[in-house]
Amino acid sequence: MAGYKFKLQNILKLRENVEKDKKNEFGAATQRFDKEKLKLEQLNAEMYYMCEEIEKSVCNGISVNELRLQQRFKDYYKYSISNQIIRKNMAEEHLVNCKHMLIEAVQDRKIMEKLKEMDYGKYMYTEQKNEEKLVDDLVSFKQSNK
């Protein structure tokens, strides 16, 4: 028994490495999406706080210039929130793409592993047949020497 060697082992290793790379990309995309989502939540919270401050200031009496300044801040937050929504959506889209690529990589690796299992099964079958033939030859030889 010489030992089993899968002919396509290099391709299997390549597919395993590709899968590992895709997992890393997916992890990075997940972190990016979470970061963008957190920024959006922070901007929304700041916007809410700013609106509360404007309402308090208006109730207490405020000059027109200060009101304009606060309105500019509010507009800035609206603009930042709309940009952040776009960034979050882009990060989510990238995350979905990475997920699909990871799924493909896993499927490719599993196909190669299945081929390896089938090849190993064939190898074991031929080895078993060779062993049986060797045992039959030994039995036949002993019988002929008697």
Protein backbone atom coordinates (compact mmCIF):
# COMPACT_ATOMS: atom_id res chain seq x y z
CA MET A 1 0.00 0.00 0.00
CA ALA A 2 1.83 3.07 -1.28
CA GLY A 3 -0.44 5.65 0.31
CA TYR A 4 -3.22 7.79 -1.01
CA LYS A 5 -2.51 11.03 -2.85
CA PHE A 6 -5.32 13.16 -4.29
CA LYS A 7 -4.41 14.35 -7.78
CA LEU A 8 -6.25 17.65 -7.39
CA GLN A 9 -4.90 18.48 -3.91
CA ASN A 10 -3.37 21.74 -5.14
CA ILE A 11 -6.73 22.90 -6.47
CA LEU A 12 -8.39 21.93 -3.18
CA LYS A 13 -5.80 23.96 -1.25
CA LEU A 14 -6.36 26.89 -3.59
CA ARG A 15 -10.11 26.74 -3.03
CA GLU A 16 -9.58 26.56 0.75
CA ASN A 17 -7.36 29.65 0.56
CA VAL A 18 -9.93 31.48 -1.57
CA GLU A 19 -12.60 30.61 0.99
CA LYS A 20 -10.42 31.92 3.81
CA ASP A 21 -9.88 35.18 1.89
CA LYS A 22 -13.62 35.52 1.27
CA LYS A 23 -14.30 34.97 4.98
CA ASN A 24 -11.87 37.77 5.82
CA GLU A 25 -13.51 40.07 3.25
CA PHE A 26 -16.94 39.24 4.65
CA GLY A 27 -15.74 40.01 8.19
CA ALA A 28 -14.29 43.35 7.08
CA ALA A 29 -17.51 44.19 5.21
CA THR A 30 -19.56 43.33 8.30
CA GLN A 31 -17.42 45.60 10.44
CA ARG A 32 -17.70 48.42 7.91
CA PHE A 33 -21.49 48.05 7.76
CA ASP A 34 -21.76 48.08 11.56
CA LYS A 35 -19.53 51.16 11.73
CA GLU A 36 -21.61 53.04 9.14
CA LYS A 37 -24.83 52.04 10.87
CA LEU A 38 -23.49 53.27 14.20
CA LYS A 39 -22.47 56.61 12.64
CA LEU A 40 -25.99 57.01 11.26
CA GLU A 41 -27.53 56.29 14.66
CA GLN A 42 -25.20 58.85 16.26
CA LEU A 43 -26.09 61.49 13.67
CA ASN A 44 -29.80 60.83 14.21
CA ALA A 45 -29.35 61.18 17.96
CA GLU A 46 -27.44 64.44 17.51
CA MET A 47 -30.13 65.72 15.15
CA TYR A 48 -32.83 64.87 17.70
CA TYR A 49 -30.85 66.65 20.42
CA MET A 50 -30.41 69.68 18.14
CA CYS A 51 -34.17 69.85 17.45
CA GLU A 52 -34.87 69.66 21.18
CA GLU A 53 -32.44 72.52 21.79
CA ILE A 54 -34.04 74.63 19.07
CA GLU A 55 -37.50 74.10 20.60
CA LYS A 56 -36.23 75.03 24.07
CA SER A 57 -34.50 78.12 22.70
CA VAL A 58 -37.62 79.24 20.82
CA CYS A 59 -39.75 78.83 23.96
CA ASN A 60 -37.28 80.86 26.01
CA GLY A 61 -36.92 83.54 23.37
CA ILE A 62 -34.08 83.66 20.90
CA SER A 63 -32.68 86.20 18.49
CA VAL A 64 -33.22 85.79 14.77
CA ASN A 65 -29.48 85.38 14.14
CA GLU A 66 -29.20 82.56 16.65
CA LEU A 67 -32.26 80.91 15.17
CA ARG A 68 -30.69 81.11 11.69
CA LEU A 69 -27.46 79.63 13.06
CA GLN A 70 -29.30 76.75 14.68
CA GLN A 71 -31.26 76.20 11.48
CA ARG A 72 -27.94 75.94 9.60
CA PHE A 73 -26.79 73.33 12.10
CA LYS A 74 -30.04 71.46 11.56
CA ASP A 75 -29.55 71.63 7.77
CA TYR A 76 -25.99 70.39 8.22
CA TYR A 77 -27.25 67.39 10.20
CA LYS A 78 -29.90 66.64 7.57
CA TYR A 79 -27.24 66.72 4.86
CA SER A 80 -24.88 64.54 6.93
CA ILE A 81 -27.65 62.05 7.67
CA SER A 82 -28.59 61.74 4.00
CA ASN A 83 -24.92 61.15 3.09
CA GLN A 84 -24.56 58.64 5.89
CA ILE A 85 -27.64 56.76 4.70
CA ILE A 86 -26.01 56.47 1.28
CA ARG A 87 -22.76 55.21 2.87
CA LYS A 88 -24.67 52.70 4.98
CA ASN A 89 -26.57 51.42 1.94
CA MET A 90 -23.34 51.06 -0.03
CA ALA A 91 -21.75 49.16 2.85
CA GLU A 92 -24.81 46.91 3.06
CA GLU A 93 -24.65 46.24 -0.68
CA HIS A 94 -20.96 45.37 -0.39
CA LEU A 95 -21.77 43.09 2.53
CA VAL A 96 -24.38 41.24 0.47
CA ASN A 97 -21.92 40.85 -2.42
CA CYS A 98 -19.25 39.50 -0.07
CA LYS A 99 -21.76 37.06 1.37
CA HIS A 100 -22.63 35.73 -2.09
CA MET A 101 -18.95 35.38 -2.99
CA LEU A 102 -18.30 33.54 0.29
CA ILE A 103 -21.18 31.16 -0.40
CA GLU A 104 -19.73 30.44 -3.86
CA ALA A 105 -16.28 29.83 -2.39
CA VAL A 106 -17.68 27.41 0.20
CA GLN A 107 -19.60 25.55 -2.49
CA ASP A 108 -16.49 25.27 -4.66
CA ARG A 109 -14.47 23.91 -1.74
CA LYS A 110 -17.19 21.40 -0.84
CA ILE A 111 -17.30 20.18 -4.46
CA MET A 112 -13.56 19.54 -4.36
CA GLU A 113 -13.83 17.78 -1.01
CA LYS A 114 -16.62 15.58 -2.38
CA LEU A 115 -14.41 14.73 -5.37
CA LYS A 116 -11.61 13.87 -2.96
CA GLU A 117 -13.93 11.59 -0.96
CA MET A 118 -15.09 9.84 -4.12
CA ASP A 119 -11.50 9.44 -5.33
CA TYR A 120 -10.47 8.07 -1.93
CA GLY A 121 -13.38 5.61 -2.04
CA LYS A 122 -12.21 4.37 -5.45
CA TYR A 123 -8.66 4.11 -4.15
CA MET A 124 -9.78 2.09 -1.12
CA TYR A 125 -11.87 -0.18 -3.37
CA THR A 126 -8.93 -0.92 -5.67
CA GLU A 127 -6.63 -1.47 -2.69
CA GLN A 128 -9.14 -3.90 -1.20
CA LYS A 129 -9.40 -5.76 -4.54
CA ASN A 130 -5.61 -5.93 -4.80
CA GLU A 131 -5.41 -7.30 -1.25
CA GLU A 132 -8.06 -9.92 -2.02
CA LYS A 133 -6.18 -10.90 -5.17
CA LEU A 134 -2.93 -11.18 -3.20
CA VAL A 135 -4.61 -13.35 -0.56
CA ASP A 136 -6.14 -15.56 -3.28
CA ASP A 137 -2.72 -15.89 -4.93
CA LEU A 138 -1.14 -16.85 -1.61
CA VAL A 139 -3.84 -19.41 -0.91
CA SER A 140 -3.50 -20.80 -4.43
CA PHE A 141 0.28 -20.99 -4.09
CA LYS A 142 0.06 -22.81 -0.76
CA GLN A 143 -2.49 -25.23 -2.19
CA SER A 144 -0.30 -25.94 -5.20
CA ASN A 145 2.77 -26.61 -3.03
CA LYS A 146 0.96 -29.28 -0.99
